[in-house]
Each structure stands twice: as C-alpha cells, then as structure tokens.
Amino acid sequence: MAKNDGQIVIKKYANRRLYNTGTSTYVTLDDLAVMVKKGEDFIVQDAKSGEDITHSVLTQIIFEQESKTGNTLLPISFLRQLISYYGDQMQMVVPSFLEHSMQAFAQQQAQMREQIDRTFGETPLGKNLQVPIKLVEDQVRRNTDMFHQAMQMFSPFMTPPAAKEAKKADPKDIDELKEQLRALQAKLDNL
C-alpha cells in the first residue's frame, strides 16, 4: 500500500484516469468524494511530474457535485464574495478563516447530533429523525452572522446587506470617503 506520510497516493495520468496506489485500482472523482466523506486522507499527484495536484482535483470534485445535484451547497452570493478576494489583501486571511469556520461548523453539527441522540435516544423518532428544520435554520443563521462579523473585522468598509438597505448614504459622505481613500492610497504608494 503506497502512502505518503500516512496519506494514500492517488496518481493522475495524462488520460485523466486516477489510480489509487493504496488499493491498486483505478478510481473516479465520485470514489474520491466517498473517500473524503469517510475521512480517508489522500494526496493526488501528477503521474508524470509527481506534482501535488490535490487542490485542483478536490476543486473539480466540488464543481461536479455542484453540477450534479439540484441542491447546490455554495450560494451565488458566497461564490461572488469568495471570487472578490482573489488578488485582494484578504486573500491571505480567507483560507484560514474558512478552514476554522468549517471546523467550528463540524463541531456544532456533532453537538447537535449528540443533543438529538440524548433527547430522542433509541426511539423510532430518534432513529429516523433528520435534523429538525428549526435547529438547522438557527445554526445557519449563527454561522452566517459569525462569517459577516469576521469579514467586517478584516474589512471595515464591508457592511451586511441588511445594513446597506437600511442606511442610505449621503453623497457628501461618499465624496468624503473617496477623498480619504485617495489619501490613504497615496500614502501607500509612497511607502
């Protein structure tokens, strides 16, 4: 079983085929998605160059998952916001923030499951219970609020959509802010 520091090595060949060196079998992107869901650790390498291409393959899996199902996981507003950070000063902060946010979400999800198990136990309702919609809505709302608050810490000019609608800017204020931004940009250029 070929591994790289405890990771299963998947080789990607020029013909786009993926080979699991751990099981000595060819696999598909769907198979890799199942491995991710099972928590199996793997690395994808270009078979010819040995280059680590795990990131691009995982991104491809996300793209295919989003295309396959009618239920997309990534809302358009999130995708737009994420794209806007490429090339921005925030680009360095976003990956670690998203990683920590997903870890926190996973921990909260586990806590919700434990709470449901404690509440309903081995009853038929407990066995068949999908997470109640109210709990999910509350969790999503908390996570969204946390995301907006964190982004505002890093970008003080970003305001949540509700605040934008509630507060109409005075043109004088906008001109003043533009002038302040020009002055800051000039200072940055001088540095």
C-alpha atoms as a PDB file:
ATOM      1  CA  MET A   1       0.000   0.000   0.000  1.00  0.00           C
ATOM      2  CA  ALA A   2       1.781   3.123  -1.236  1.00  0.00           C
ATOM      3  CA  LYS A   3       1.402   6.033   1.143  1.00  0.00           C
ATOM      4  CA  ASN A   4       2.993   9.413   1.601  1.00  0.00           C
ATOM      5  CA  ASP A   5       3.288  10.263   5.318  1.00  0.00           C
ATOM      6  CA  GLY A   6       0.145   8.281   6.151  1.00  0.00           C
ATOM      7  CA  GLN A   7      -1.709   9.506   3.081  1.00  0.00           C
ATOM      8  CA  ILE A   8      -2.926   7.307   0.270  1.00  0.00           C
ATOM      9  CA  VAL A   9      -1.336   8.355  -3.006  1.00  0.00           C
ATOM     10  CA  ILE A  10      -3.626   8.783  -5.993  1.00  0.00           C
ATOM     11  CA  LYS A  11      -1.846   9.102  -9.337  1.00  0.00           C
ATOM     12  CA  LYS A  12      -3.474  11.108 -12.114  1.00  0.00           C
ATOM     13  CA  TYR A  13      -2.405  10.115 -15.597  1.00  0.00           C
ATOM     14  CA  ALA A  14      -2.408  12.188 -18.782  1.00  0.00           C
ATOM     15  CA  ASN A  15      -5.552  10.368 -19.955  1.00  0.00           C
ATOM     16  CA  ARG A  16      -7.277  11.822 -16.833  1.00  0.00           C
ATOM     17  CA  ARG A  17      -7.515   8.416 -15.160  1.00  0.00           C
ATOM     18  CA  LEU A  18      -6.948   8.247 -11.428  1.00  0.00           C
ATOM     19  CA  TYR A  19      -5.097   5.323  -9.871  1.00  0.00           C
ATOM     20  CA  ASN A  20      -5.303   4.539  -6.148  1.00  0.00           C
ATOM     21  CA  THR A  21      -1.886   3.155  -5.243  1.00  0.00           C
ATOM     22  CA  GLY A  22      -3.261   2.006  -1.881  1.00  0.00           C
ATOM     23  CA  THR A  23      -5.759  -0.415  -3.420  1.00  0.00           C
ATOM     24  CA  SER A  24      -4.065  -0.813  -6.836  1.00  0.00           C
ATOM     25  CA  THR A  25      -7.284   0.129  -8.612  1.00  0.00           C
ATOM     26  CA  TYR A  26      -8.496   2.870 -10.890  1.00  0.00           C
ATOM     27  CA  VAL A  27     -10.913   5.282  -9.206  1.00  0.00           C
ATOM     28  CA  THR A  28     -13.255   8.064 -10.253  1.00  0.00           C
ATOM     29  CA  LEU A  29     -13.880  11.501  -8.820  1.00  0.00           C
ATOM     30  CA  ASP A  30     -17.006  10.040  -7.203  1.00  0.00           C
ATOM     31  CA  ASP A  31     -14.820   7.423  -5.492  1.00  0.00           C
ATOM     32  CA  LEU A  32     -12.555  10.196  -4.188  1.00  0.00           C
ATOM     33  CA  ALA A  33     -15.619  12.081  -2.905  1.00  0.00           C
ATOM     34  CA  VAL A  34     -16.637   8.955  -0.978  1.00  0.00           C
ATOM     35  CA  MET A  35     -13.107   8.696   0.440  1.00  0.00           C
ATOM     36  CA  VAL A  36     -13.326  12.314   1.624  1.00  0.00           C
ATOM     37  CA  LYS A  37     -16.691  11.651   3.284  1.00  0.00           C
ATOM     38  CA  LYS A  38     -15.204   8.628   5.043  1.00  0.00           C
ATOM     39  CA  GLY A  39     -12.338  10.785   6.314  1.00  0.00           C
ATOM     40  CA  GLU A  40      -9.662   8.940   4.336  1.00  0.00           C
ATOM     41  CA  ASP A  41      -6.536  11.014   3.857  1.00  0.00           C
ATOM     42  CA  PHE A  42      -5.100  11.062   0.341  1.00  0.00           C
ATOM     43  CA  ILE A  43      -2.889  13.119  -1.899  1.00  0.00           C
ATOM     44  CA  VAL A  44      -3.257  13.339  -5.678  1.00  0.00           C
ATOM     45  CA  GLN A  45      -0.071  13.513  -7.708  1.00  0.00           C
ATOM     46  CA  ASP A  46       0.510  14.032 -11.394  1.00  0.00           C
ATOM     47  CA  ALA A  47       1.807  10.632 -12.513  1.00  0.00           C
ATOM     48  CA  LYS A  48       4.436  12.121 -14.832  1.00  0.00           C
ATOM     49  CA  SER A  49       5.811  15.054 -12.825  1.00  0.00           C
ATOM     50  CA  GLY A  50       4.966  13.941  -9.279  1.00  0.00           C
ATOM     51  CA  GLU A  51       3.463  17.395  -8.654  1.00  0.00           C
ATOM     52  CA  ASP A  52       0.841  17.606  -5.883  1.00  0.00           C
ATOM     53  CA  ILE A  53      -2.464  18.398  -7.642  1.00  0.00           C
ATOM     54  CA  THR A  54      -4.759  17.552  -4.720  1.00  0.00           C
ATOM     55  CA  HIS A  55      -6.198  21.079  -4.558  1.00  0.00           C
ATOM     56  CA  SER A  56      -7.270  21.151  -8.198  1.00  0.00           C
ATOM     57  CA  VAL A  57      -8.770  17.641  -8.020  1.00  0.00           C
ATOM     58  CA  LEU A  58     -10.758  18.476  -4.869  1.00  0.00           C
ATOM     59  CA  THR A  59     -11.953  21.672  -6.554  1.00  0.00           C
ATOM     60  CA  GLN A  60     -13.009  19.585  -9.559  1.00  0.00           C
ATOM     61  CA  ILE A  61     -14.972  17.268  -7.230  1.00  0.00           C
ATOM     62  CA  ILE A  62     -16.786  20.285  -5.748  1.00  0.00           C
ATOM     63  CA  PHE A  63     -17.564  21.565  -9.244  1.00  0.00           C
ATOM     64  CA  GLU A  64     -19.011  18.197 -10.277  1.00  0.00           C
ATOM     65  CA  GLN A  65     -21.025  17.867  -7.060  1.00  0.00           C
ATOM     66  CA  GLU A  66     -22.467  21.346  -7.580  1.00  0.00           C
ATOM     67  CA  SER A  67     -23.331  20.484 -11.202  1.00  0.00           C
ATOM     68  CA  LYS A  68     -24.897  17.078 -10.467  1.00  0.00           C
ATOM     69  CA  THR A  69     -27.382  17.865  -7.784  1.00  0.00           C
ATOM     70  CA  GLY A  70     -30.178  20.359  -7.892  1.00  0.00           C
ATOM     71  CA  ASN A  71     -29.246  21.286  -4.316  1.00  0.00           C
ATOM     72  CA  THR A  72     -26.152  23.418  -4.509  1.00  0.00           C
ATOM     73  CA  LEU A  73     -24.104  23.839  -1.366  1.00  0.00           C
ATOM     74  CA  LEU A  74     -22.424  27.111  -2.303  1.00  0.00           C
ATOM     75  CA  PRO A  75     -24.790  30.077  -2.738  1.00  0.00           C
ATOM     76  CA  ILE A  76     -24.067  32.524  -5.554  1.00  0.00           C
ATOM     77  CA  SER A  77     -23.511  35.386  -3.104  1.00  0.00           C
ATOM     78  CA  PHE A  78     -20.842  33.321  -1.323  1.00  0.00           C
ATOM     79  CA  LEU A  79     -19.132  32.440  -4.616  1.00  0.00           C
ATOM     80  CA  ARG A  80     -19.110  36.090  -5.689  1.00  0.00           C
ATOM     81  CA  GLN A  81     -17.674  37.166  -2.353  1.00  0.00           C
ATOM     82  CA  LEU A  82     -15.035  34.436  -2.496  1.00  0.00           C
ATOM     83  CA  ILE A  83     -14.006  35.394  -6.041  1.00  0.00           C
ATOM     84  CA  SER A  84     -13.703  39.029  -4.993  1.00  0.00           C
ATOM     85  CA  TYR A  85     -10.974  38.088  -2.502  1.00  0.00           C
ATOM     86  CA  TYR A  86      -8.626  36.703  -5.185  1.00  0.00           C
ATOM     87  CA  GLY A  87      -5.793  39.163  -5.667  1.00  0.00           C
ATOM     88  CA  ASP A  88      -7.038  41.198  -2.701  1.00  0.00           C
ATOM     89  CA  GLN A  89      -5.124  41.771   0.530  1.00  0.00           C
ATOM     90  CA  MET A  90      -7.698  39.493   2.184  1.00  0.00           C
ATOM     91  CA  GLN A  91      -6.609  36.530   0.063  1.00  0.00           C
ATOM     92  CA  MET A  92      -4.052  35.501   2.678  1.00  0.00           C
ATOM     93  CA  VAL A  93      -6.592  35.539   5.531  1.00  0.00           C
ATOM     94  CA  VAL A  94      -9.582  33.891   3.856  1.00  0.00           C
ATOM     95  CA  PRO A  95      -8.261  30.291   3.645  1.00  0.00           C
ATOM     96  CA  SER A  96      -7.504  30.014   7.356  1.00  0.00           C
ATOM     97  CA  PHE A  97     -10.770  31.759   8.231  1.00  0.00           C
ATOM     98  CA  LEU A  98     -12.775  29.344   6.056  1.00  0.00           C
ATOM     99  CA  GLU A  99     -10.901  26.363   7.485  1.00  0.00           C
ATOM    100  CA  HIS A 100     -11.618  27.449  11.062  1.00  0.00           C
ATOM    101  CA  SER A 101     -15.248  28.232  10.202  1.00  0.00           C
ATOM    102  CA  MET A 102     -15.759  24.767   8.701  1.00  0.00           C
ATOM    103  CA  GLN A 103     -14.154  23.140  11.746  1.00  0.00           C
ATOM    104  CA  ALA A 104     -16.449  25.127  14.040  1.00  0.00           C
ATOM    105  CA  PHE A 105     -19.458  24.190  11.909  1.00  0.00           C
ATOM    106  CA  ALA A 106     -18.498  20.494  12.030  1.00  0.00           C
ATOM    107  CA  GLN A 107     -18.140  20.663  15.820  1.00  0.00           C
ATOM    108  CA  GLN A 108     -21.527  22.372  16.162  1.00  0.00           C
ATOM    109  CA  GLN A 109     -23.102  19.775  13.873  1.00  0.00           C
ATOM    110  CA  ALA A 110     -21.667  16.972  16.022  1.00  0.00           C
ATOM    111  CA  GLN A 111     -23.017  18.675  19.148  1.00  0.00           C
ATOM    112  CA  MET A 112     -26.476  18.950  17.555  1.00  0.00           C
ATOM    113  CA  ARG A 113     -26.411  15.248  16.678  1.00  0.00           C
ATOM    114  CA  GLU A 114     -25.388  14.351  20.224  1.00  0.00           C
ATOM    115  CA  GLN A 115     -28.181  16.513  21.614  1.00  0.00           C
ATOM    116  CA  ILE A 116     -30.740  14.828  19.348  1.00  0.00           C
ATOM    117  CA  ASP A 117     -29.445  11.401  20.381  1.00  0.00           C
ATOM    118  CA  ARG A 118     -29.704  12.361  24.065  1.00  0.00           C
ATOM    119  CA  THR A 119     -33.175  13.806  23.589  1.00  0.00           C
ATOM    120  CA  PHE A 120     -34.732  11.102  21.448  1.00  0.00           C
ATOM    121  CA  GLY A 121     -32.374   8.184  22.116  1.00  0.00           C
ATOM    122  CA  GLU A 122     -33.286   4.876  20.541  1.00  0.00           C
ATOM    123  CA  THR A 123     -36.919   5.778  19.876  1.00  0.00           C
ATOM    124  CA  PRO A 124     -38.218   5.350  16.323  1.00  0.00           C
ATOM    125  CA  LEU A 125     -38.342   9.123  16.063  1.00  0.00           C
ATOM    126  CA  GLY A 126     -34.702   9.369  17.118  1.00  0.00           C
ATOM    127  CA  LYS A 127     -33.592   6.766  14.565  1.00  0.00           C
ATOM    128  CA  ASN A 128     -35.447   8.365  11.660  1.00  0.00           C
ATOM    129  CA  LEU A 129     -35.054  11.970  12.702  1.00  0.00           C
ATOM    130  CA  GLN A 130     -33.458  14.281  10.222  1.00  0.00           C
ATOM    131  CA  VAL A 131     -32.117  17.378  11.972  1.00  0.00           C
ATOM    132  CA  PRO A 132     -35.195  19.498  12.694  1.00  0.00           C
ATOM    133  CA  ILE A 133     -35.503  22.419  10.312  1.00  0.00           C
ATOM    134  CA  LYS A 134     -35.593  24.973  13.115  1.00  0.00           C
ATOM    135  CA  LEU A 135     -32.265  23.787  14.536  1.00  0.00           C
ATOM    136  CA  VAL A 136     -30.670  23.900  11.103  1.00  0.00           C
ATOM    137  CA  GLU A 137     -32.043  27.368  10.395  1.00  0.00           C
ATOM    138  CA  ASP A 138     -30.743  28.635  13.730  1.00  0.00           C
ATOM    139  CA  GLN A 139     -27.336  27.094  13.073  1.00  0.00           C
ATOM    140  CA  VAL A 140     -27.111  28.565   9.576  1.00  0.00           C
ATOM    141  CA  ARG A 141     -28.124  31.965  10.910  1.00  0.00           C
ATOM    142  CA  ARG A 142     -25.447  31.825  13.641  1.00  0.00           C
ATOM    143  CA  ASN A 143     -22.775  30.743  11.151  1.00  0.00           C
ATOM    144  CA  THR A 144     -23.766  33.441   8.657  1.00  0.00           C
ATOM    145  CA  ASP A 145     -23.679  36.101  11.374  1.00  0.00           C
ATOM    146  CA  MET A 146     -20.277  34.833  12.524  1.00  0.00           C
ATOM    147  CA  PHE A 147     -18.971  34.979   8.935  1.00  0.00           C
ATOM    148  CA  HIS A 148     -20.211  38.554   8.426  1.00  0.00           C
ATOM    149  CA  GLN A 149     -18.765  39.683  11.759  1.00  0.00           C
ATOM    150  CA  ALA A 150     -15.404  38.130  10.967  1.00  0.00           C
ATOM    151  CA  MET A 151     -15.286  39.651   7.497  1.00  0.00           C
ATOM    152  CA  GLN A 152     -16.139  43.066   8.953  1.00  0.00           C
ATOM    153  CA  MET A 153     -13.168  42.765  11.309  1.00  0.00           C
ATOM    154  CA  PHE A 154     -10.886  42.282   8.318  1.00  0.00           C
ATOM    155  CA  SER A 155     -12.657  44.725   6.010  1.00  0.00           C
ATOM    156  CA  PRO A 156     -14.195  47.638   7.927  1.00  0.00           C
ATOM    157  CA  PHE A 157     -15.866  49.004   4.776  1.00  0.00           C
ATOM    158  CA  MET A 158     -17.928  45.845   4.226  1.00  0.00           C
ATOM    159  CA  THR A 159     -21.458  46.027   5.572  1.00  0.00           C
ATOM    160  CA  PRO A 160     -24.074  43.306   5.686  1.00  0.00           C
ATOM    161  CA  PRO A 161     -26.815  43.546   3.006  1.00  0.00           C
ATOM    162  CA  ALA A 162     -29.491  44.494   5.562  1.00  0.00           C
ATOM    163  CA  ALA A 163     -27.395  47.404   6.803  1.00  0.00           C
ATOM    164  CA  LYS A 164     -26.869  48.608   3.225  1.00  0.00           C
ATOM    165  CA  GLU A 165     -30.609  48.682   2.636  1.00  0.00           C
ATOM    166  CA  ALA A 166     -31.423  50.318   5.964  1.00  0.00           C
ATOM    167  CA  LYS A 167     -28.857  53.076   5.597  1.00  0.00           C
ATOM    168  CA  LYS A 168     -28.838  55.302   2.501  1.00  0.00           C
ATOM    169  CA  ALA A 169     -25.528  57.082   2.092  1.00  0.00           C
ATOM    170  CA  ASP A 170     -25.352  60.827   1.770  1.00  0.00           C
ATOM    171  CA  PRO A 171     -23.433  61.815  -1.418  1.00  0.00           C
ATOM    172  CA  LYS A 172     -21.296  64.192   0.693  1.00  0.00           C
ATOM    173  CA  ASP A 173     -20.242  61.278   2.903  1.00  0.00           C
ATOM    174  CA  ILE A 174     -19.346  59.198  -0.131  1.00  0.00           C
ATOM    175  CA  ASP A 175     -17.234  62.006  -1.592  1.00  0.00           C
ATOM    176  CA  GLU A 176     -15.511  62.416   1.770  1.00  0.00           C
ATOM    177  CA  LEU A 177     -14.780  58.695   1.957  1.00  0.00           C
ATOM    178  CA  LYS A 178     -13.450  58.692  -1.601  1.00  0.00           C
ATOM    179  CA  GLU A 179     -11.092  61.515  -0.710  1.00  0.00           C
ATOM    180  CA  GLN A 180      -9.909  59.637   2.387  1.00  0.00           C
ATOM    181  CA  LEU A 181      -9.309  56.532   0.280  1.00  0.00           C
ATOM    182  CA  ARG A 182      -7.320  58.556  -2.272  1.00  0.00           C
ATOM    183  CA  ALA A 183      -5.199  59.986   0.541  1.00  0.00           C
ATOM    184  CA  LEU A 184      -4.603  56.522   2.005  1.00  0.00           C
ATOM    185  CA  GLN A 185      -3.724  55.146  -1.430  1.00  0.00           C
ATOM    186  CA  ALA A 186      -1.253  57.985  -1.949  1.00  0.00           C
ATOM    187  CA  LYS A 187       0.381  57.191   1.409  1.00  0.00           C
ATOM    188  CA  LEU A 188       0.572  53.506   0.492  1.00  0.00           C
ATOM    189  CA  ASP A 189       2.092  54.362  -2.904  1.00  0.00           C
ATOM    190  CA  ASN A 190       4.752  56.473  -1.161  1.00  0.00           C
ATOM    191  CA  LEU A 191       5.641  53.556   1.117  1.00  0.00           C
END
